[in-house]
Amino acid sequence: MAIKVFVVDDSAVVRQAMAHMLSGNSEVELVGSAPNPILAGPMLAKSRPDVLLLDIEMPGMDGLTFLRQIMSTNPIPTVICSTLSTDGSRVALDALSAGAVAVLAKPKLGLKQHMEESRFEMIQTLKAAANSRPRQRTTASAAVAKAAMPVASVHALAVNKPVVIGSSTGGTQALEFVLTSLPADAPGIAITQHMPEKFTALYAARLDTICSMNVREARDGDRLERGVALIAPGGRHMQLTKSAGQYYVKVMDGPPVNRHKPSVDVLFRSAAECAGRDILGIIMTGMGDDGARGMKVLHDGGARTIAQNEETCVVFGMPKEAIKLQAVDDILGLEQIPRAILQFDARA
């Protein structure tokens, strides 16, 4: 049965382009559209779609306000499709925090050509969203409030035993939970989260204001040390390196790996080479299989490896593929991951 998609966008061109993109596709069906949330509300109340494709900037009521209303009453898996200027990226991050599953870029010019070129990504994202588990806003707020209280440090060693984390769809919320739960002296963490350009610097800056750890977008040559979390820049790969007993990150350009840049596999494979068994690898919510093979390399090299469980994933794709490869030591719920990081840090 085809996935039912409803589009809310004030641009008639966008609505027509979506109809054209999805026509003839047996997996995804456009079942309706509206130019603004005010008109969309009654239509959605009568016929609930599997996925909502939502613009942000619209007259009458903006998409973010509409999303928050939906998530507080009757959550629908929602994908944001918006022009990602700097200001737009901030609002899109707010949408992810409010419960959106993913964000897709919409260019100001060349829309039809862009949608044709991104057809595969769009359809895969809509399919992943349909299989996701959106949560009511009240539940999400409680989780964030709980996460804001850092877990007590199990042990503070002088040696930094780094952690590498890979995530995608649903990862922005999951990473926020993990990082806000960790103390200021937590081990250094290198993170690859699938995000567009412009997003990662804003996302890292937001996390830095609410975390005990220092969180920032990674720069080439940054040292990974205690109390620091480095997030791979959107549109660039990140590797972990070691020199004179210290860990650093290398940020570089290059072709996409597993259709992603940054790629989790790139980070995990480099971590296996430079850290061996002295590292913890964690793969979290996300669609696809990026990171699964890299985690297998980590696991076979003696590293500790953890996958987020299906119950707490928005999309149980990347963890599932790593488990299939027998690359995972433990499968844990999201709420268990911060303590697992500190227990690994305390291990002799």
Protein backbone atom coordinates (compact mmCIF):
# COMPACT_ATOMS: atom_id res chain seq x y z
CA MET A 1 0.00 0.00 0.00
CA ALA A 2 1.34 3.41 -0.98
CA ILE A 3 2.35 5.92 1.68
CA LYS A 4 -0.17 8.77 1.81
CA VAL A 5 1.46 12.23 1.73
CA PHE A 6 -0.22 15.60 2.33
CA VAL A 7 1.59 18.83 1.33
CA VAL A 8 1.15 22.21 3.04
CA ASP A 9 2.96 24.96 1.11
CA ASP A 10 1.85 28.42 0.00
CA SER A 11 3.68 28.01 -3.32
CA ALA A 12 1.52 26.57 -6.10
CA VAL A 13 4.74 25.72 -7.95
CA VAL A 14 5.91 23.55 -5.05
CA ARG A 15 2.58 21.76 -4.82
CA GLN A 16 2.60 21.10 -8.56
CA ALA A 17 6.22 19.94 -8.47
CA MET A 18 5.43 17.49 -5.65
CA ALA A 19 2.44 16.14 -7.55
CA HIS A 20 4.63 15.61 -10.61
CA MET A 21 7.44 14.03 -8.59
CA LEU A 22 5.18 11.50 -6.90
CA SER A 23 3.00 10.68 -9.92
CA GLY A 24 3.53 7.14 -11.14
CA ASN A 25 5.36 6.12 -7.96
CA SER A 26 3.83 2.98 -6.47
CA GLU A 27 5.36 3.57 -3.02
CA VAL A 28 4.26 7.13 -2.31
CA GLU A 29 0.94 8.84 -3.15
CA LEU A 30 0.02 12.52 -2.87
CA VAL A 31 -3.46 12.51 -1.31
CA GLY A 32 -3.97 16.24 -0.86
CA SER A 33 -2.47 19.69 -0.47
CA ALA A 34 -3.25 23.09 0.99
CA PRO A 35 -1.71 26.56 0.63
CA ASN A 36 -1.63 27.22 4.39
CA PRO A 37 -2.19 25.53 7.77
CA ILE A 38 -5.57 27.20 8.34
CA LEU A 39 -7.04 25.40 5.32
CA ALA A 40 -5.02 22.24 5.99
CA GLY A 41 -6.33 21.73 9.54
CA PRO A 42 -9.90 20.66 8.70
CA MET A 43 -8.69 18.56 5.77
CA LEU A 44 -6.24 16.65 7.98
CA ALA A 45 -8.92 16.14 10.62
CA LYS A 46 -11.12 14.35 8.06
CA SER A 47 -8.41 12.22 6.45
CA ARG A 48 -5.18 11.56 8.31
CA PRO A 49 -2.16 11.05 5.98
CA ASP A 50 0.86 8.89 6.75
CA VAL A 51 3.25 11.83 6.30
CA LEU A 52 2.90 15.62 6.30
CA LEU A 53 5.27 17.61 4.07
CA LEU A 54 5.31 21.09 5.57
CA ASP A 55 6.71 24.48 4.59
CA ILE A 56 7.76 26.93 7.33
CA GLU A 57 7.07 30.44 6.04
CA MET A 58 3.39 30.79 5.14
CA PRO A 59 0.74 33.51 5.55
CA GLY A 60 -1.91 33.29 8.26
CA MET A 61 -0.13 30.70 10.37
CA ASP A 62 3.51 29.66 10.03
CA GLY A 63 4.48 26.02 9.71
CA LEU A 64 6.27 25.89 13.07
CA THR A 65 3.17 26.98 14.98
CA PHE A 66 1.10 24.45 13.04
CA LEU A 67 3.63 21.68 13.75
CA ARG A 68 3.55 22.39 17.49
CA GLN A 69 -0.25 22.21 17.46
CA ILE A 70 -0.19 18.87 15.66
CA MET A 71 2.47 17.39 17.94
CA SER A 72 0.60 18.44 21.08
CA THR A 73 -2.68 16.83 20.03
CA ASN A 74 -2.46 14.15 17.34
CA PRO A 75 1.14 13.70 16.09
CA ILE A 76 1.65 13.08 12.37
CA PRO A 77 5.11 12.17 11.00
CA THR A 78 6.24 15.48 9.50
CA VAL A 79 9.01 16.38 7.06
CA ILE A 80 9.95 20.05 6.73
CA CYS A 81 10.67 21.30 3.21
CA SER A 82 11.90 24.87 3.40
CA THR A 83 14.35 27.39 2.01
CA LEU A 84 17.39 27.01 4.25
CA SER A 85 18.87 30.44 4.63
CA THR A 86 20.59 31.17 7.93
CA ASP A 87 17.34 32.41 9.46
CA GLY A 88 15.44 29.57 7.84
CA SER A 89 17.87 27.06 9.30
CA ARG A 90 17.25 28.38 12.80
CA VAL A 91 13.52 27.94 12.38
CA ALA A 92 13.99 24.49 10.84
CA LEU A 93 16.04 23.47 13.89
CA ASP A 94 13.16 24.66 16.04
CA ALA A 95 10.92 22.42 13.94
CA LEU A 96 13.16 19.41 14.58
CA SER A 97 13.07 20.19 18.27
CA ALA A 98 9.27 20.41 18.06
CA GLY A 99 9.07 16.90 16.62
CA ALA A 100 9.67 17.05 12.85
CA VAL A 101 11.30 13.88 11.55
CA ALA A 102 13.58 15.50 8.97
CA VAL A 103 14.34 18.69 7.07
CA LEU A 104 14.81 18.93 3.30
CA ALA A 105 16.21 21.96 1.50
CA LYS A 106 14.06 23.89 -0.97
CA PRO A 107 16.02 26.23 -3.26
CA LYS A 108 14.83 29.73 -4.08
CA LEU A 109 15.63 29.17 -7.76
CA GLY A 110 15.53 26.11 -10.02
CA LEU A 111 12.90 24.35 -7.91
CA LYS A 112 11.64 21.87 -10.48
CA GLN A 113 15.15 20.80 -11.50
CA HIS A 114 16.18 20.46 -7.84
CA MET A 115 13.19 18.26 -7.06
CA GLU A 116 13.89 16.02 -10.02
CA GLU A 117 17.51 15.63 -8.90
CA SER A 118 16.52 14.97 -5.30
CA ARG A 119 13.61 12.63 -6.10
CA PHE A 120 15.33 9.59 -4.55
CA GLU A 121 16.22 11.42 -1.33
CA MET A 122 12.72 12.86 -1.06
CA ILE A 123 10.98 9.51 -1.50
CA GLN A 124 13.33 7.72 0.90
CA THR A 125 12.79 10.44 3.50
CA LEU A 126 9.00 10.23 3.15
CA LYS A 127 9.15 6.44 3.52
CA ALA A 128 11.32 6.72 6.61
CA ALA A 129 8.99 9.31 8.09
CA ALA A 130 5.99 7.05 7.53
CA ASN A 131 7.71 4.36 9.60
CA SER A 132 8.80 6.77 12.33
CA ARG A 133 7.36 7.21 15.81
CA PRO A 134 6.35 10.84 16.35
CA ARG A 135 5.74 11.71 19.99
CA GLN A 136 3.39 14.23 21.51
CA ARG A 137 5.00 17.54 22.38
CA THR A 138 4.26 17.12 26.09
CA THR A 139 6.23 13.87 26.20
CA ALA A 140 9.15 15.38 24.28
CA SER A 141 9.23 18.38 26.63
CA ALA A 142 9.38 16.10 29.65
CA ALA A 143 12.26 14.19 28.12
CA VAL A 144 14.21 17.38 27.48
CA ALA A 145 13.58 18.60 31.02
CA LYS A 146 14.83 15.30 32.39
CA ALA A 147 17.84 15.40 30.09
CA ALA A 148 18.80 18.86 31.33
CA MET A 149 19.93 17.28 34.61
CA PRO A 150 23.43 15.83 33.92
CA VAL A 151 24.20 12.29 35.01
CA ALA A 152 26.70 12.26 37.85
CA SER A 153 30.20 11.46 36.68
CA VAL A 154 31.06 7.86 37.48
CA HIS A 155 34.80 8.50 37.45
CA ALA A 156 37.07 11.24 36.17
CA LEU A 157 40.18 9.80 34.57
CA ALA A 158 43.07 11.90 33.32
CA VAL A 159 43.15 9.86 30.10
CA ASN A 160 40.62 10.78 27.46
CA LYS A 161 38.90 7.68 26.09
CA PRO A 162 36.97 9.15 23.17
CA VAL A 163 33.47 8.37 22.01
CA VAL A 164 32.22 8.44 18.41
CA ILE A 165 28.52 8.76 17.63
CA GLY A 166 26.67 8.44 14.33
CA SER A 167 23.03 9.37 13.76
CA SER A 168 20.60 10.61 11.14
CA THR A 169 16.80 10.94 11.09
CA GLY A 170 15.65 11.72 14.62
CA GLY A 171 19.22 12.22 15.71
CA THR A 172 19.01 15.90 16.55
CA GLN A 173 16.60 15.18 19.40
CA ALA A 174 18.41 12.02 20.49
CA LEU A 175 21.80 13.77 20.59
CA GLU A 176 20.31 16.60 22.61
CA PHE A 177 19.09 14.07 25.18
CA VAL A 178 22.49 12.35 25.42
CA LEU A 179 24.66 15.47 25.52
CA THR A 180 22.52 17.36 28.04
CA SER A 181 22.67 14.29 30.29
CA LEU A 182 26.48 14.28 30.49
CA PRO A 183 28.71 16.18 32.98
CA ALA A 184 31.30 18.77 32.09
CA ASP A 185 34.15 16.27 32.49
CA ALA A 186 32.69 13.64 30.14
CA PRO A 187 35.05 12.06 27.59
CA GLY A 188 35.53 13.82 24.27
CA ILE A 189 32.84 12.98 21.73
CA ALA A 190 33.09 13.16 17.93
CA ILE A 191 29.68 13.20 16.24
CA THR A 192 28.53 12.71 12.69
CA GLN A 193 24.87 13.68 12.32
CA HIS A 194 23.43 13.83 8.82
CA MET A 195 22.53 17.50 8.42
CA PRO A 196 22.59 20.03 5.58
CA GLU A 197 25.14 22.83 5.41
CA LYS A 198 24.32 25.86 7.59
CA PHE A 199 22.62 23.61 10.12
CA THR A 200 25.53 22.17 12.05
CA ALA A 201 27.03 25.44 13.31
CA LEU A 202 23.63 26.64 14.53
CA TYR A 203 22.79 23.24 16.01
CA ALA A 204 26.12 23.02 17.85
CA ALA A 205 25.73 26.57 19.17
CA ARG A 206 22.27 25.75 20.50
CA LEU A 207 23.52 22.61 22.26
CA ASP A 208 26.43 24.53 23.72
CA THR A 209 24.01 26.80 25.57
CA ILE A 210 22.18 23.91 27.27
CA CYS A 211 24.96 21.34 27.82
CA SER A 212 27.55 21.11 30.58
CA MET A 213 30.03 20.00 27.91
CA ASN A 214 31.43 22.42 25.33
CA VAL A 215 29.73 21.69 22.00
CA ARG A 216 30.84 23.18 18.68
CA GLU A 217 31.01 22.52 14.97
CA ALA A 218 34.33 20.82 14.26
CA ARG A 219 37.18 22.63 12.53
CA ASP A 220 40.10 20.89 10.89
CA GLY A 221 42.76 20.17 13.50
CA ASP A 222 40.52 20.61 16.56
CA ARG A 223 41.66 18.62 19.56
CA LEU A 224 39.16 16.16 20.97
CA GLU A 225 39.53 16.42 24.73
CA ARG A 226 37.54 15.94 27.88
CA GLY A 227 34.42 18.03 28.12
CA VAL A 228 34.28 18.69 24.36
CA ALA A 229 31.80 17.42 21.76
CA LEU A 230 32.66 18.12 18.10
CA ILE A 231 29.98 17.88 15.41
CA ALA A 232 31.00 17.22 11.80
CA PRO A 233 30.13 20.19 9.55
CA GLY A 234 27.32 19.66 7.06
CA GLY A 235 28.76 18.99 3.63
CA ARG A 236 32.18 17.86 4.97
CA HIS A 237 33.55 14.53 6.19
CA MET A 238 35.21 14.21 9.59
CA GLN A 239 37.89 11.72 10.65
CA LEU A 240 39.48 11.01 14.02
CA THR A 241 43.29 11.07 14.18
CA LYS A 242 45.89 10.61 16.92
CA SER A 243 49.24 12.33 17.42
CA ALA A 244 51.57 12.24 20.44
CA GLY A 245 48.92 10.54 22.53
CA GLN A 246 46.25 13.16 21.77
CA TYR A 247 43.15 12.87 19.58
CA TYR A 248 42.28 15.38 16.86
CA VAL A 249 39.73 15.66 14.08
CA LYS A 250 40.39 16.09 10.39
CA VAL A 251 37.66 17.90 8.46
CA MET A 252 37.81 17.47 4.71
CA ASP A 253 35.94 17.55 1.43
CA GLY A 254 35.36 14.51 -0.72
CA PRO A 255 32.62 12.57 -2.50
CA PRO A 256 29.58 11.38 -0.53
CA VAL A 257 29.92 7.98 1.16
CA ASN A 258 26.71 5.94 1.37
CA ARG A 259 25.08 9.01 -0.24
CA HIS A 260 26.06 11.16 2.75
CA LYS A 261 28.54 13.92 3.48
CA PRO A 262 29.38 13.83 6.33
CA SER A 263 29.33 10.05 6.52
CA VAL A 264 29.23 8.03 9.74
CA ASP A 265 31.29 5.27 8.10
CA VAL A 266 34.12 7.73 7.45
CA LEU A 267 34.24 8.71 11.13
CA PHE A 268 33.92 5.15 12.46
CA ARG A 269 36.59 3.66 10.19
CA SER A 270 39.08 6.38 11.09
CA ALA A 271 38.34 5.87 14.80
CA ALA A 272 39.05 2.16 14.47
CA GLU A 273 42.41 2.90 12.87
CA CYS A 274 43.66 5.38 15.45
CA ALA A 275 42.02 4.27 18.69
CA GLY A 276 41.52 0.51 18.47
CA ARG A 277 39.90 -0.85 21.63
CA ASP A 278 40.23 2.46 23.52
CA ILE A 279 37.06 3.91 22.04
CA LEU A 280 33.30 3.62 22.31
CA GLY A 281 31.20 3.65 19.15
CA ILE A 282 27.48 4.43 19.29
CA ILE A 283 25.04 4.23 16.39
CA MET A 284 21.69 5.89 16.87
CA THR A 285 18.40 6.60 15.14
CA GLY A 286 18.51 7.09 11.37
CA MET A 287 17.38 5.68 8.06
CA GLY A 288 19.66 3.71 5.74
CA ASP A 289 22.84 1.84 6.61
CA ASP A 290 25.53 4.52 6.92
CA GLY A 291 27.79 3.62 9.85
CA ALA A 292 26.93 -0.09 10.00
CA ARG A 293 30.06 -1.30 8.21
CA GLY A 294 32.22 1.22 10.02
CA MET A 295 30.85 -0.06 13.32
CA LYS A 296 31.74 -3.59 12.26
CA VAL A 297 35.35 -2.44 11.79
CA LEU A 298 35.27 -0.84 15.25
CA HIS A 299 33.78 -3.95 16.83
CA ASP A 300 36.21 -6.36 15.18
CA GLY A 301 39.10 -4.16 16.33
CA GLY A 302 38.08 -4.56 19.97
CA ALA A 303 36.17 -1.31 20.49
CA ARG A 304 33.00 -1.25 22.60
CA THR A 305 29.94 -0.75 20.40
CA ILE A 306 26.37 0.23 21.24
CA ALA A 307 23.21 0.54 19.13
CA GLN A 308 20.11 2.46 20.16
CA ASN A 309 17.13 0.14 20.51
CA GLU A 310 14.12 0.09 18.21
CA GLU A 311 11.69 1.28 20.86
CA THR A 312 13.43 4.65 21.32
CA CYS A 313 14.51 5.26 17.71
CA VAL A 314 12.54 7.58 15.48
CA VAL A 315 13.78 5.42 12.58
CA PHE A 316 15.37 2.04 13.36
CA GLY A 317 17.46 1.85 10.18
CA MET A 318 21.14 2.44 10.90
CA PRO A 319 21.13 0.59 14.25
CA LYS A 320 19.24 -2.33 12.70
CA GLU A 321 21.82 -2.70 9.92
CA ALA A 322 24.71 -2.64 12.41
CA ILE A 323 22.99 -5.33 14.50
CA LYS A 324 22.51 -7.45 11.36
CA LEU A 325 26.28 -7.33 10.78
CA GLN A 326 26.90 -8.53 14.35
CA ALA A 327 28.80 -5.30 14.96
CA VAL A 328 27.09 -4.41 18.24
CA ASP A 329 27.98 -5.39 21.82
CA ASP A 330 24.88 -3.89 23.46
CA ILE A 331 21.46 -2.62 22.38
CA LEU A 332 20.29 0.12 24.73
CA GLY A 333 17.39 2.52 25.12
CA LEU A 334 18.17 6.18 24.61
CA GLU A 335 17.90 6.90 28.33
CA GLN A 336 20.61 4.29 29.05
CA ILE A 337 23.23 5.66 26.67
CA PRO A 338 24.61 8.56 28.78
CA ARG A 339 25.37 6.24 31.71
CA ALA A 340 26.94 3.69 29.35
CA ILE A 341 29.31 6.42 28.13
CA LEU A 342 30.41 7.23 31.68
CA GLN A 343 30.75 3.57 32.62
CA PHE A 344 33.01 3.01 29.62
CA ASP A 345 35.03 6.03 30.66
CA ALA A 346 35.50 4.57 34.14
CA ARG A 347 36.58 1.16 32.87
CA ALA A 348 40.22 0.33 33.64
